[in-house]
Amino acid sequence: MDCSIGILVFSTALFIFYIQTLCEKILRREFSRAYFQDVLNALDLEFPRLQQAILNHANVGYPQIQLALKSDYFTLTYLIKKGNPKRRGFSWNEKLLIAYFRVLLLILPIRYALHFHERKAVIKLTAILHHFANLVGERVTPARAPGMAASRQG
């Protein structure tokens, strides 16, 4: 009985580690250009300021963090889904990142209560939102031919 419980716990831990590693790999994806700044200029998102405050070790309350992360998450996921009328819905990678974001956000109050790497969790959540902002920019920006960009500048 003890052996089967140990195997179950170990395999669950390995599965969680695999999912986390897969999500980190998805977040390392490089985009053809940095769409993030275009999206920030168009929308007033809170997570870049929140990320800067966390990196500068400023005191930010948990309710403020939770509200900023949730509102930016809902805004970006809505725009990912509805941004390009030709492509509705989420890809497999996006669904996995959405689930990962939700789990991290669900565990965040426990981490704050226990003071267990809460800043690291917030940084990870903002990294996911950064990736979502790049996805929004990629989806809503029409694909341009290489000659079009040069002719507009000249």
N, C-alpha and C. Protein backbone atom coordinates (compact mmCIF):
# COMPACT_ATOMS: atom_id res chain seq x y z
N MET A 1 0.81 -1.19 0.00
CA MET A 1 0.00 0.00 0.00
C MET A 1 0.86 1.26 0.00
N ASP A 2 1.89 1.28 0.84
CA ASP A 2 2.78 2.44 0.90
C ASP A 2 3.52 2.63 -0.41
N CYS A 3 3.88 1.55 -1.04
CA CYS A 3 4.63 1.62 -2.30
C CYS A 3 3.76 2.24 -3.40
N SER A 4 2.49 1.86 -3.47
CA SER A 4 1.60 2.40 -4.50
C SER A 4 1.33 3.89 -4.27
N ILE A 5 1.22 4.30 -3.03
CA ILE A 5 1.03 5.73 -2.73
C ILE A 5 2.28 6.51 -3.12
N GLY A 6 3.43 5.95 -2.82
CA GLY A 6 4.69 6.59 -3.21
C GLY A 6 4.83 6.72 -4.71
N ILE A 7 4.45 5.68 -5.44
CA ILE A 7 4.51 5.73 -6.91
C ILE A 7 3.53 6.77 -7.44
N LEU A 8 2.34 6.84 -6.88
CA LEU A 8 1.35 7.83 -7.30
C LEU A 8 1.84 9.25 -7.06
N VAL A 9 2.41 9.50 -5.90
CA VAL A 9 2.93 10.84 -5.58
C VAL A 9 4.09 11.19 -6.51
N PHE A 10 4.98 10.25 -6.73
CA PHE A 10 6.14 10.49 -7.59
C PHE A 10 5.72 10.75 -9.04
N SER A 11 4.79 9.96 -9.54
CA SER A 11 4.34 10.15 -10.93
C SER A 11 3.57 11.45 -11.08
N THR A 12 2.81 11.85 -10.08
CA THR A 12 2.10 13.13 -10.12
C THR A 12 3.10 14.29 -10.13
N ALA A 13 4.14 14.18 -9.32
CA ALA A 13 5.17 15.22 -9.29
C ALA A 13 5.88 15.31 -10.64
N LEU A 14 6.18 14.18 -11.24
CA LEU A 14 6.81 14.18 -12.56
C LEU A 14 5.90 14.80 -13.62
N PHE A 15 4.61 14.52 -13.55
CA PHE A 15 3.65 15.08 -14.50
C PHE A 15 3.58 16.60 -14.36
N ILE A 16 3.52 17.08 -13.12
CA ILE A 16 3.49 18.53 -12.89
C ILE A 16 4.77 19.19 -13.39
N PHE A 17 5.90 18.54 -13.13
CA PHE A 17 7.18 19.07 -13.62
C PHE A 17 7.20 19.12 -15.15
N TYR A 18 6.67 18.09 -15.80
CA TYR A 18 6.62 18.05 -17.26
C TYR A 18 5.75 19.18 -17.81
N ILE A 19 4.58 19.38 -17.22
CA ILE A 19 3.69 20.45 -17.67
C ILE A 19 4.35 21.82 -17.49
N GLN A 20 5.01 22.01 -16.35
CA GLN A 20 5.68 23.29 -16.10
C GLN A 20 6.81 23.51 -17.11
N THR A 21 7.58 22.48 -17.40
CA THR A 21 8.67 22.59 -18.37
C THR A 21 8.13 22.88 -19.77
N LEU A 22 7.02 22.25 -20.12
CA LEU A 22 6.41 22.48 -21.43
C LEU A 22 5.92 23.92 -21.54
N CYS A 23 5.32 24.44 -20.49
CA CYS A 23 4.86 25.83 -20.49
C CYS A 23 6.04 26.81 -20.59
N GLU A 24 7.13 26.52 -19.91
CA GLU A 24 8.32 27.37 -20.00
C GLU A 24 8.88 27.36 -21.43
N LYS A 25 8.82 26.22 -22.08
CA LYS A 25 9.29 26.13 -23.47
C LYS A 25 8.40 26.96 -24.39
N ILE A 26 7.09 26.93 -24.17
CA ILE A 26 6.17 27.73 -24.98
C ILE A 26 6.45 29.22 -24.77
N LEU A 27 6.74 29.61 -23.54
CA LEU A 27 7.01 31.02 -23.24
C LEU A 27 8.30 31.53 -23.86
N ARG A 28 9.22 30.62 -24.18
CA ARG A 28 10.49 31.03 -24.80
C ARG A 28 10.36 31.25 -26.31
N ARG A 29 9.18 31.05 -26.85
CA ARG A 29 8.98 31.24 -28.30
C ARG A 29 9.31 32.67 -28.68
N GLU A 30 10.04 32.81 -29.77
CA GLU A 30 10.39 34.14 -30.25
C GLU A 30 9.44 34.54 -31.37
N PHE A 31 8.99 35.76 -31.32
CA PHE A 31 8.08 36.27 -32.33
C PHE A 31 8.88 36.96 -33.43
N SER A 32 8.26 37.11 -34.61
CA SER A 32 8.96 37.73 -35.73
C SER A 32 9.36 39.16 -35.42
N ARG A 33 8.58 39.82 -34.59
CA ARG A 33 8.93 41.15 -34.10
C ARG A 33 8.27 41.34 -32.75
N ALA A 34 8.65 42.36 -32.03
CA ALA A 34 8.11 42.60 -30.69
C ALA A 34 6.76 43.30 -30.80
N TYR A 35 5.69 42.54 -30.75
CA TYR A 35 4.35 43.10 -30.81
C TYR A 35 3.92 43.67 -29.47
N PHE A 36 4.63 43.31 -28.43
CA PHE A 36 4.26 43.65 -27.07
C PHE A 36 4.07 45.16 -26.89
N GLN A 37 4.99 45.95 -27.39
CA GLN A 37 4.92 47.39 -27.20
C GLN A 37 3.73 48.00 -27.94
N ASP A 38 3.42 47.48 -29.13
CA ASP A 38 2.25 47.96 -29.87
C ASP A 38 0.97 47.73 -29.09
N VAL A 39 0.87 46.56 -28.47
CA VAL A 39 -0.32 46.22 -27.69
C VAL A 39 -0.39 47.12 -26.46
N LEU A 40 0.75 47.36 -25.81
CA LEU A 40 0.75 48.24 -24.64
C LEU A 40 0.35 49.66 -25.00
N ASN A 41 0.76 50.12 -26.19
CA ASN A 41 0.39 51.47 -26.62
C ASN A 41 -1.11 51.55 -26.91
N ALA A 42 -1.69 50.46 -27.40
CA ALA A 42 -3.12 50.46 -27.73
C ALA A 42 -4.00 50.25 -26.50
N LEU A 43 -3.54 49.43 -25.57
CA LEU A 43 -4.33 49.10 -24.38
C LEU A 43 -3.60 49.62 -23.14
N ASP A 44 -4.35 49.90 -22.13
CA ASP A 44 -3.73 50.33 -20.87
C ASP A 44 -3.69 49.14 -19.93
N LEU A 45 -2.67 48.31 -20.10
CA LEU A 45 -2.53 47.11 -19.29
C LEU A 45 -1.72 47.42 -18.03
N GLU A 46 -2.06 46.77 -16.95
CA GLU A 46 -1.42 47.02 -15.66
C GLU A 46 -0.19 46.16 -15.40
N PHE A 47 -0.09 45.00 -16.03
CA PHE A 47 0.94 44.07 -15.63
C PHE A 47 2.37 44.54 -15.86
N PRO A 48 2.70 45.39 -16.86
CA PRO A 48 4.09 45.86 -16.93
C PRO A 48 4.49 46.72 -15.73
N ARG A 49 3.57 47.58 -15.29
CA ARG A 49 3.86 48.40 -14.09
C ARG A 49 3.94 47.52 -12.85
N LEU A 50 3.10 46.52 -12.79
CA LEU A 50 3.12 45.58 -11.67
C LEU A 50 4.43 44.80 -11.64
N GLN A 51 4.87 44.37 -12.81
CA GLN A 51 6.13 43.63 -12.90
C GLN A 51 7.30 44.51 -12.48
N GLN A 52 7.29 45.77 -12.90
CA GLN A 52 8.35 46.70 -12.52
C GLN A 52 8.34 46.95 -11.02
N ALA A 53 7.16 47.07 -10.43
CA ALA A 53 7.07 47.29 -8.99
C ALA A 53 7.59 46.08 -8.22
N ILE A 54 7.29 44.89 -8.69
CA ILE A 54 7.77 43.67 -8.03
C ILE A 54 9.28 43.57 -8.16
N LEU A 55 9.82 43.88 -9.33
CA LEU A 55 11.27 43.82 -9.52
C LEU A 55 12.01 44.86 -8.69
N ASN A 56 11.36 46.00 -8.44
CA ASN A 56 11.97 47.05 -7.62
C ASN A 56 11.69 46.85 -6.13
N HIS A 57 11.07 45.74 -5.78
CA HIS A 57 10.76 45.39 -4.39
C HIS A 57 9.87 46.42 -3.72
N ALA A 58 8.97 47.01 -4.49
CA ALA A 58 8.00 47.94 -3.92
C ALA A 58 6.89 47.15 -3.23
N ASN A 59 6.29 47.75 -2.24
CA ASN A 59 5.18 47.09 -1.55
C ASN A 59 3.92 47.20 -2.39
N VAL A 60 3.44 46.07 -2.84
CA VAL A 60 2.22 46.01 -3.62
C VAL A 60 1.30 45.03 -2.91
N GLY A 61 0.09 45.45 -2.63
CA GLY A 61 -0.85 44.59 -1.91
C GLY A 61 -1.40 43.48 -2.79
N TYR A 62 -1.74 42.38 -2.15
CA TYR A 62 -2.26 41.25 -2.90
C TYR A 62 -3.55 41.58 -3.66
N PRO A 63 -4.51 42.32 -3.08
CA PRO A 63 -5.73 42.64 -3.85
C PRO A 63 -5.43 43.41 -5.13
N GLN A 64 -4.46 44.33 -5.07
CA GLN A 64 -4.08 45.09 -6.26
C GLN A 64 -3.46 44.17 -7.31
N ILE A 65 -2.61 43.25 -6.88
CA ILE A 65 -1.98 42.30 -7.80
C ILE A 65 -3.03 41.41 -8.45
N GLN A 66 -3.93 40.88 -7.64
CA GLN A 66 -4.94 39.97 -8.16
C GLN A 66 -5.85 40.68 -9.17
N LEU A 67 -6.27 41.89 -8.87
CA LEU A 67 -7.14 42.64 -9.77
C LEU A 67 -6.43 42.96 -11.09
N ALA A 68 -5.18 43.40 -11.00
CA ALA A 68 -4.43 43.75 -12.21
C ALA A 68 -4.21 42.51 -13.09
N LEU A 69 -3.81 41.41 -12.49
CA LEU A 69 -3.55 40.20 -13.26
C LEU A 69 -4.83 39.66 -13.90
N LYS A 70 -5.91 39.63 -13.15
CA LYS A 70 -7.16 39.10 -13.69
C LYS A 70 -7.70 39.96 -14.83
N SER A 71 -7.69 41.28 -14.64
CA SER A 71 -8.25 42.15 -15.68
C SER A 71 -7.42 42.08 -16.96
N ASP A 72 -6.10 42.08 -16.83
CA ASP A 72 -5.25 41.96 -18.01
C ASP A 72 -5.41 40.59 -18.68
N TYR A 73 -5.55 39.55 -17.87
CA TYR A 73 -5.74 38.20 -18.41
C TYR A 73 -7.03 38.13 -19.22
N PHE A 74 -8.14 38.65 -18.67
CA PHE A 74 -9.41 38.60 -19.40
C PHE A 74 -9.35 39.43 -20.67
N THR A 75 -8.72 40.59 -20.61
CA THR A 75 -8.59 41.44 -21.80
C THR A 75 -7.79 40.73 -22.89
N LEU A 76 -6.64 40.19 -22.53
CA LEU A 76 -5.77 39.58 -23.53
C LEU A 76 -6.34 38.28 -24.09
N THR A 77 -6.94 37.46 -23.25
CA THR A 77 -7.51 36.21 -23.78
C THR A 77 -8.71 36.49 -24.68
N TYR A 78 -9.48 37.51 -24.36
CA TYR A 78 -10.59 37.89 -25.25
C TYR A 78 -10.05 38.35 -26.60
N LEU A 79 -9.00 39.16 -26.58
CA LEU A 79 -8.44 39.66 -27.83
C LEU A 79 -7.74 38.56 -28.63
N ILE A 80 -7.15 37.60 -27.95
CA ILE A 80 -6.54 36.47 -28.67
C ILE A 80 -7.63 35.69 -29.39
N LYS A 81 -8.73 35.47 -28.71
CA LYS A 81 -9.81 34.67 -29.28
C LYS A 81 -10.54 35.41 -30.39
N LYS A 82 -10.76 36.70 -30.21
CA LYS A 82 -11.58 37.45 -31.17
C LYS A 82 -10.77 38.38 -32.08
N GLY A 83 -9.46 38.42 -31.92
CA GLY A 83 -8.63 39.38 -32.66
C GLY A 83 -8.58 39.17 -34.15
N ASN A 84 -8.57 37.94 -34.58
CA ASN A 84 -8.50 37.62 -36.01
C ASN A 84 -9.74 36.83 -36.37
N PRO A 85 -10.65 37.42 -37.17
CA PRO A 85 -11.89 36.71 -37.48
C PRO A 85 -11.68 35.40 -38.25
N LYS A 86 -10.56 35.29 -38.95
CA LYS A 86 -10.29 34.06 -39.70
C LYS A 86 -9.88 32.92 -38.78
N ARG A 87 -9.32 33.26 -37.63
CA ARG A 87 -8.81 32.23 -36.72
C ARG A 87 -9.48 32.42 -35.36
N ARG A 88 -10.53 31.68 -35.12
CA ARG A 88 -11.25 31.76 -33.85
C ARG A 88 -10.77 30.66 -32.92
N GLY A 89 -10.82 30.93 -31.65
CA GLY A 89 -10.45 29.92 -30.66
C GLY A 89 -8.97 29.95 -30.34
N PHE A 90 -8.58 29.00 -29.50
CA PHE A 90 -7.22 28.92 -29.02
C PHE A 90 -6.53 27.68 -29.57
N SER A 91 -5.23 27.80 -29.75
CA SER A 91 -4.43 26.63 -30.13
C SER A 91 -4.17 25.79 -28.88
N TRP A 92 -3.57 24.63 -29.10
CA TRP A 92 -3.26 23.73 -27.99
C TRP A 92 -2.28 24.39 -27.02
N ASN A 93 -1.26 25.08 -27.55
CA ASN A 93 -0.29 25.77 -26.70
C ASN A 93 -0.95 26.87 -25.88
N GLU A 94 -1.84 27.61 -26.50
CA GLU A 94 -2.52 28.70 -25.80
C GLU A 94 -3.42 28.16 -24.70
N LYS A 95 -4.11 27.06 -24.97
CA LYS A 95 -4.96 26.45 -23.94
C LYS A 95 -4.13 25.98 -22.75
N LEU A 96 -2.96 25.42 -23.04
CA LEU A 96 -2.08 24.96 -21.97
C LEU A 96 -1.60 26.14 -21.13
N LEU A 97 -1.20 27.23 -21.78
CA LEU A 97 -0.76 28.42 -21.04
C LEU A 97 -1.90 29.05 -20.23
N ILE A 98 -3.10 29.01 -20.78
CA ILE A 98 -4.25 29.54 -20.05
C ILE A 98 -4.50 28.72 -18.79
N ALA A 99 -4.44 27.41 -18.92
CA ALA A 99 -4.64 26.54 -17.75
C ALA A 99 -3.52 26.76 -16.73
N TYR A 100 -2.28 26.90 -17.21
CA TYR A 100 -1.13 27.14 -16.33
C TYR A 100 -1.30 28.47 -15.59
N PHE A 101 -1.73 29.51 -16.31
CA PHE A 101 -1.96 30.82 -15.70
C PHE A 101 -3.02 30.71 -14.60
N ARG A 102 -4.11 30.02 -14.91
CA ARG A 102 -5.20 29.89 -13.93
C ARG A 102 -4.75 29.15 -12.67
N VAL A 103 -3.96 28.10 -12.85
CA VAL A 103 -3.47 27.35 -11.69
C VAL A 103 -2.55 28.22 -10.85
N LEU A 104 -1.63 28.93 -11.50
CA LEU A 104 -0.73 29.82 -10.76
C LEU A 104 -1.50 30.92 -10.02
N LEU A 105 -2.53 31.45 -10.67
CA LEU A 105 -3.33 32.49 -10.05
C LEU A 105 -4.15 31.93 -8.89
N LEU A 106 -4.58 30.69 -9.02
CA LEU A 106 -5.34 30.03 -7.96
C LEU A 106 -4.47 29.76 -6.73
N ILE A 107 -3.20 29.43 -6.97
CA ILE A 107 -2.28 29.11 -5.88
C ILE A 107 -1.66 30.38 -5.27
N LEU A 108 -1.76 31.49 -5.96
CA LEU A 108 -1.12 32.74 -5.50
C LEU A 108 -1.54 33.16 -4.09
N PRO A 109 -2.82 33.09 -3.69
CA PRO A 109 -3.15 33.49 -2.31
C PRO A 109 -2.48 32.62 -1.26
N ILE A 110 -2.32 31.34 -1.55
CA ILE A 110 -1.64 30.44 -0.62
C ILE A 110 -0.17 30.83 -0.50
N ARG A 111 0.45 31.14 -1.63
CA ARG A 111 1.85 31.55 -1.61
C ARG A 111 2.02 32.85 -0.83
N TYR A 112 1.07 33.78 -0.98
CA TYR A 112 1.16 35.03 -0.23
C TYR A 112 0.96 34.80 1.26
N ALA A 113 0.04 33.92 1.60
CA ALA A 113 -0.21 33.64 3.02
C ALA A 113 1.00 32.98 3.68
N LEU A 114 1.68 32.12 2.95
CA LEU A 114 2.84 31.41 3.49
C LEU A 114 4.17 32.13 3.22
N HIS A 115 4.12 33.24 2.48
CA HIS A 115 5.33 33.96 2.05
C HIS A 115 6.31 33.00 1.37
N PHE A 116 5.79 32.24 0.41
CA PHE A 116 6.58 31.23 -0.29
C PHE A 116 6.77 31.65 -1.75
N HIS A 117 7.83 32.38 -2.04
CA HIS A 117 8.20 32.81 -3.39
C HIS A 117 7.03 33.49 -4.13
N GLU A 118 6.33 34.36 -3.43
CA GLU A 118 5.20 35.02 -4.07
C GLU A 118 5.62 35.96 -5.17
N ARG A 119 6.77 36.62 -5.02
CA ARG A 119 7.26 37.53 -6.07
C ARG A 119 7.62 36.75 -7.34
N LYS A 120 8.21 35.60 -7.16
CA LYS A 120 8.56 34.76 -8.31
C LYS A 120 7.30 34.32 -9.06
N ALA A 121 6.24 34.01 -8.32
CA ALA A 121 4.98 33.61 -8.95
C ALA A 121 4.36 34.76 -9.75
N VAL A 122 4.43 35.97 -9.19
CA VAL A 122 3.87 37.12 -9.90
C VAL A 122 4.68 37.41 -11.16
N ILE A 123 5.99 37.28 -11.09
CA ILE A 123 6.84 37.49 -12.27
C ILE A 123 6.50 36.45 -13.34
N LYS A 124 6.26 35.21 -12.93
CA LYS A 124 5.89 34.17 -13.89
C LYS A 124 4.53 34.48 -14.53
N LEU A 125 3.59 34.96 -13.74
CA LEU A 125 2.28 35.33 -14.28
C LEU A 125 2.38 36.49 -15.26
N THR A 126 3.22 37.48 -14.95
CA THR A 126 3.39 38.60 -15.88
C THR A 126 4.11 38.16 -17.15
N ALA A 127 4.99 37.17 -17.05
CA ALA A 127 5.64 36.64 -18.25
C ALA A 127 4.63 35.98 -19.18
N ILE A 128 3.66 35.29 -18.60
CA ILE A 128 2.61 34.68 -19.41
C ILE A 128 1.77 35.76 -20.08
N LEU A 129 1.44 36.82 -19.34
CA LEU A 129 0.67 37.93 -19.92
C LEU A 129 1.47 38.63 -21.02
N HIS A 130 2.77 38.74 -20.85
CA HIS A 130 3.64 39.32 -21.88
C HIS A 130 3.55 38.48 -23.15
N HIS A 131 3.58 37.17 -23.00
CA HIS A 131 3.46 36.27 -24.15
C HIS A 131 2.09 36.45 -24.81
N PHE A 132 1.04 36.56 -24.00
CA PHE A 132 -0.30 36.77 -24.55
C PHE A 132 -0.38 38.09 -25.31
N ALA A 133 0.27 39.13 -24.81
CA ALA A 133 0.27 40.42 -25.51
C ALA A 133 0.95 40.30 -26.86
N ASN A 134 2.04 39.55 -26.93
CA ASN A 134 2.68 39.31 -28.22
C ASN A 134 1.76 38.53 -29.16
N LEU A 135 1.02 37.56 -28.62
CA LEU A 135 0.08 36.80 -29.44
C LEU A 135 -1.02 37.70 -30.00
N VAL A 136 -1.53 38.61 -29.17
CA VAL A 136 -2.56 39.55 -29.62
C VAL A 136 -2.01 40.39 -30.76
N GLY A 137 -0.83 40.93 -30.58
CA GLY A 137 -0.23 41.75 -31.63
C GLY A 137 0.00 40.97 -32.91
N GLU A 138 0.42 39.73 -32.78
CA GLU A 138 0.66 38.89 -33.95
C GLU A 138 -0.64 38.59 -34.69
N ARG A 139 -1.71 38.40 -33.94
CA ARG A 139 -2.99 38.06 -34.57
C ARG A 139 -3.68 39.24 -35.22
N VAL A 140 -3.58 40.41 -34.62
CA VAL A 140 -4.31 41.55 -35.17
C VAL A 140 -3.51 42.34 -36.20
N THR A 141 -2.20 42.16 -36.23
CA THR A 141 -1.38 42.85 -37.21
C THR A 141 -1.44 42.07 -38.52
N PRO A 142 -1.87 42.73 -39.58
CA PRO A 142 -1.93 42.01 -40.86
C PRO A 142 -0.52 41.68 -41.35
N ALA A 143 -0.40 40.54 -41.98
CA ALA A 143 0.89 40.13 -42.53
C ALA A 143 1.22 41.04 -43.71
N ARG A 144 2.39 41.63 -43.68
CA ARG A 144 2.82 42.55 -44.74
C ARG A 144 3.88 41.88 -45.60
N ALA A 145 3.85 42.24 -46.84
CA ALA A 145 4.90 41.78 -47.73
C ALA A 145 6.18 42.54 -47.39
N PRO A 146 7.35 41.95 -47.63
CA PRO A 146 8.60 42.62 -47.27
C PRO A 146 8.78 43.98 -47.91
N GLY A 147 8.28 44.20 -49.11
CA GLY A 147 8.44 45.48 -49.80
C GLY A 147 7.52 46.56 -49.29
N MET A 148 6.43 46.18 -48.63
CA MET A 148 5.47 47.17 -48.16
C MET A 148 6.03 48.03 -47.03
N ALA A 149 6.77 47.43 -46.13
CA ALA A 149 7.33 48.18 -45.01
C ALA A 149 8.34 49.21 -45.50
N ALA A 150 9.15 48.86 -46.48
CA ALA A 150 10.16 49.76 -47.01
C ALA A 150 9.51 50.91 -47.79
N SER A 151 8.44 50.62 -48.54
CA SER A 151 7.82 51.66 -49.33
C SER A 151 7.06 52.66 -48.46
N ARG A 152 6.57 52.25 -47.31
CA ARG A 152 5.87 53.17 -46.42
C ARG A 152 6.83 54.14 -45.75
N GLN A 153 8.04 53.70 -45.48
CA GLN A 153 8.99 54.57 -44.79
C GLN A 153 9.59 55.59 -45.73
N GLY A 154 9.71 55.27 -46.98
CA GLY A 154 10.37 56.13 -47.94
C GLY A 154 9.53 57.22 -48.42
